[in-house]
Structures are given as C-alpha cells and as structure tokens.
Amino acid sequence: MAVSRPEIIEKITKNFPNLYKKDINRLFDIFLFEIIKALKNNERVELRDVMMFETKIQKKRLSLNPKTLEKVEVPEKKTIIFRSSKEWKDKLNEKK
C-alpha cells in the first residue's frame, strides 16, 4: 500500500495543529517544485542524512516494438536516480 500526498499532508496537519492545511499544501508544492527545478538544471539535490536525487542521461538507442517487432529509435532522455542515506537504510532494517 502506498502513502498518497493527501495522506502525508493530513498527517503533518495532525502533528502541527497550529499550521493551516493550505499552508502545508503550499509548502509541499514549493518543496517539490524546487527539487524538480534543480534536477532540470542538472543539479544534484542532496538532503544530508536523508536522501539524494540526481539526473542521469540515457543515450538514444534502438528498441523493438513488441507488437509489430518493428525497430523504433528511442530519443535521449533524462532519468532520476534516488539514493537514501545510510541512516535511513539502517532504520528501515533494524529489528523491532
């Protein structure tokens, strides 16, 4: 089961009742917008002791259309690499 954006915002709202839900929502939008803007500029986004995002360029290549078995050229594109910190990995794998 995945945690959705509204569920995250709802949990933050419950944990911080002095903040308005619309302000939390706006802050979340700004946070994601700034990450996307940095990645578009080929910058590495690093939140120390939490996570890291960076872009990788996939070269153009030839691929096969599975229906027609026709060769198709796939253009060059950017992908996102995500890495979590060692602390997060340790917390995820610690025994209860």
C-alpha atoms as a PDB file:
ATOM      1  CA  MET A   1       0.000   0.000   0.000  1.00  0.00           C
ATOM      2  CA  ALA A   2       1.345   3.422  -0.940  1.00  0.00           C
ATOM      3  CA  VAL A   3       1.058   6.618   1.051  1.00  0.00           C
ATOM      4  CA  SER A   4      -0.524   9.363  -1.026  1.00  0.00           C
ATOM      5  CA  ARG A   5       0.145  13.082  -0.988  1.00  0.00           C
ATOM      6  CA  PRO A   6      -3.163  13.947   0.789  1.00  0.00           C
ATOM      7  CA  GLU A   7      -2.374  11.368   3.484  1.00  0.00           C
ATOM      8  CA  ILE A   8       1.054  12.917   4.092  1.00  0.00           C
ATOM      9  CA  ILE A   9      -0.447  16.409   4.301  1.00  0.00           C
ATOM     10  CA  GLU A  10      -3.143  15.146   6.667  1.00  0.00           C
ATOM     11  CA  LYS A  11      -0.535  13.592   8.980  1.00  0.00           C
ATOM     12  CA  ILE A  12       1.500  16.815   9.018  1.00  0.00           C
ATOM     13  CA  THR A  13      -1.681  18.777   9.785  1.00  0.00           C
ATOM     14  CA  LYS A  14      -2.443  16.488  12.755  1.00  0.00           C
ATOM     15  CA  ASN A  15       1.134  16.731  14.066  1.00  0.00           C
ATOM     16  CA  PHE A  16       1.247  20.520  13.712  1.00  0.00           C
ATOM     17  CA  PRO A  17      -2.259  21.820  14.512  1.00  0.00           C
ATOM     18  CA  ASN A  18      -1.017  25.427  14.643  1.00  0.00           C
ATOM     19  CA  LEU A  19      -0.331  25.366  10.859  1.00  0.00           C
ATOM     20  CA  TYR A  20      -3.092  25.747   8.290  1.00  0.00           C
ATOM     21  CA  LYS A  21      -3.652  22.878   5.898  1.00  0.00           C
ATOM     22  CA  LYS A  22      -3.462  25.242   2.891  1.00  0.00           C
ATOM     23  CA  ASP A  23      -0.038  26.479   4.087  1.00  0.00           C
ATOM     24  CA  ILE A  24       1.262  22.924   4.450  1.00  0.00           C
ATOM     25  CA  ASN A  25      -0.067  22.098   0.999  1.00  0.00           C
ATOM     26  CA  ARG A  26       1.648  25.166  -0.486  1.00  0.00           C
ATOM     27  CA  LEU A  27       4.918  24.366   1.282  1.00  0.00           C
ATOM     28  CA  PHE A  28       4.788  20.822  -0.101  1.00  0.00           C
ATOM     29  CA  ASP A  29       4.258  22.231  -3.626  1.00  0.00           C
ATOM     30  CA  ILE A  30       7.195  24.619  -3.254  1.00  0.00           C
ATOM     31  CA  PHE A  31       9.430  21.824  -1.933  1.00  0.00           C
ATOM     32  CA  LEU A  32       8.676  19.570  -4.909  1.00  0.00           C
ATOM     33  CA  PHE A  33       8.911  22.449  -7.401  1.00  0.00           C
ATOM     34  CA  GLU A  34      12.401  23.383  -6.170  1.00  0.00           C
ATOM     35  CA  ILE A  35      13.599  19.774  -6.428  1.00  0.00           C
ATOM     36  CA  ILE A  36      12.260  19.492  -9.993  1.00  0.00           C
ATOM     37  CA  LYS A  37      13.770  22.855 -10.973  1.00  0.00           C
ATOM     38  CA  ALA A  38      17.202  21.815  -9.699  1.00  0.00           C
ATOM     39  CA  LEU A  39      17.025  18.452 -11.490  1.00  0.00           C
ATOM     40  CA  LYS A  40      16.055  20.183 -14.752  1.00  0.00           C
ATOM     41  CA  ASN A  41      19.227  22.275 -14.400  1.00  0.00           C
ATOM     42  CA  ASN A  42      21.279  19.063 -13.973  1.00  0.00           C
ATOM     43  CA  GLU A  43      21.975  19.896 -10.339  1.00  0.00           C
ATOM     44  CA  ARG A  44      22.261  17.286  -7.637  1.00  0.00           C
ATOM     45  CA  VAL A  45      19.708  17.608  -4.815  1.00  0.00           C
ATOM     46  CA  GLU A  46      21.128  16.416  -1.523  1.00  0.00           C
ATOM     47  CA  LEU A  47      19.246  16.459   1.770  1.00  0.00           C
ATOM     48  CA  ARG A  48      22.004  15.466   4.173  1.00  0.00           C
ATOM     49  CA  ASP A  49      21.322  12.396   6.296  1.00  0.00           C
ATOM     50  CA  VAL A  50      18.090  11.807   4.360  1.00  0.00           C
ATOM     51  CA  MET A  51      18.264  11.327   0.587  1.00  0.00           C
ATOM     52  CA  MET A  52      19.829  12.386  -2.695  1.00  0.00           C
ATOM     53  CA  PHE A  53      18.424  12.917  -6.193  1.00  0.00           C
ATOM     54  CA  GLU A  54      20.406  13.378  -9.384  1.00  0.00           C
ATOM     55  CA  THR A  55      19.783  13.060 -13.101  1.00  0.00           C
ATOM     56  CA  LYS A  56      21.315  10.587 -15.481  1.00  0.00           C
ATOM     57  CA  ILE A  57      21.118  10.859 -19.254  1.00  0.00           C
ATOM     58  CA  GLN A  58      20.054   7.748 -21.126  1.00  0.00           C
ATOM     59  CA  LYS A  59      21.596   7.722 -24.582  1.00  0.00           C
ATOM     60  CA  LYS A  60      19.390   7.323 -27.621  1.00  0.00           C
ATOM     61  CA  ARG A  61      19.015   3.717 -28.717  1.00  0.00           C
ATOM     62  CA  LEU A  62      17.186   1.345 -30.990  1.00  0.00           C
ATOM     63  CA  SER A  63      14.403  -0.676 -29.471  1.00  0.00           C
ATOM     64  CA  LEU A  64      11.757  -3.125 -30.673  1.00  0.00           C
ATOM     65  CA  ASN A  65       8.036  -2.526 -30.703  1.00  0.00           C
ATOM     66  CA  PRO A  66       6.753  -5.737 -29.050  1.00  0.00           C
ATOM     67  CA  LYS A  67       3.535  -5.797 -31.124  1.00  0.00           C
ATOM     68  CA  THR A  68       4.985  -5.310 -34.586  1.00  0.00           C
ATOM     69  CA  LEU A  69       8.641  -6.222 -33.910  1.00  0.00           C
ATOM     70  CA  GLU A  70       9.484  -3.051 -35.782  1.00  0.00           C
ATOM     71  CA  LYS A  71      12.700  -1.235 -34.812  1.00  0.00           C
ATOM     72  CA  VAL A  72      11.996   2.108 -33.148  1.00  0.00           C
ATOM     73  CA  GLU A  73      14.510   4.813 -32.259  1.00  0.00           C
ATOM     74  CA  VAL A  74      14.170   5.946 -28.651  1.00  0.00           C
ATOM     75  CA  PRO A  75      15.490   9.507 -28.179  1.00  0.00           C
ATOM     76  CA  GLU A  76      17.916  10.608 -25.476  1.00  0.00           C
ATOM     77  CA  LYS A  77      16.189  11.333 -22.162  1.00  0.00           C
ATOM     78  CA  LYS A  78      16.871  12.148 -18.519  1.00  0.00           C
ATOM     79  CA  THR A  79      16.069   9.794 -15.671  1.00  0.00           C
ATOM     80  CA  ILE A  80      16.162  10.415 -11.925  1.00  0.00           C
ATOM     81  CA  ILE A  81      18.402   8.482  -9.565  1.00  0.00           C
ATOM     82  CA  PHE A  82      17.316   8.322  -5.913  1.00  0.00           C
ATOM     83  CA  ARG A  83      19.550   7.195  -3.063  1.00  0.00           C
ATOM     84  CA  SER A  84      18.619   7.076   0.584  1.00  0.00           C
ATOM     85  CA  SER A  85      21.097   7.785   3.358  1.00  0.00           C
ATOM     86  CA  LYS A  86      22.834   5.089   5.366  1.00  0.00           C
ATOM     87  CA  GLU A  87      20.876   6.173   8.472  1.00  0.00           C
ATOM     88  CA  TRP A  88      17.559   5.644   6.692  1.00  0.00           C
ATOM     89  CA  LYS A  89      18.655   2.235   5.431  1.00  0.00           C
ATOM     90  CA  ASP A  90      19.707   1.258   8.952  1.00  0.00           C
ATOM     91  CA  LYS A  91      16.383   2.442  10.429  1.00  0.00           C
ATOM     92  CA  LEU A  92      14.478   0.535   7.761  1.00  0.00           C
ATOM     93  CA  ASN A  93      16.340  -2.696   8.505  1.00  0.00           C
ATOM     94  CA  GLU A  94      16.594  -2.549  12.289  1.00  0.00           C
ATOM     95  CA  LYS A  95      14.920  -5.294  14.259  1.00  0.00           C
ATOM     96  CA  LYS A  96      11.844  -4.486  16.317  1.00  0.00           C
END
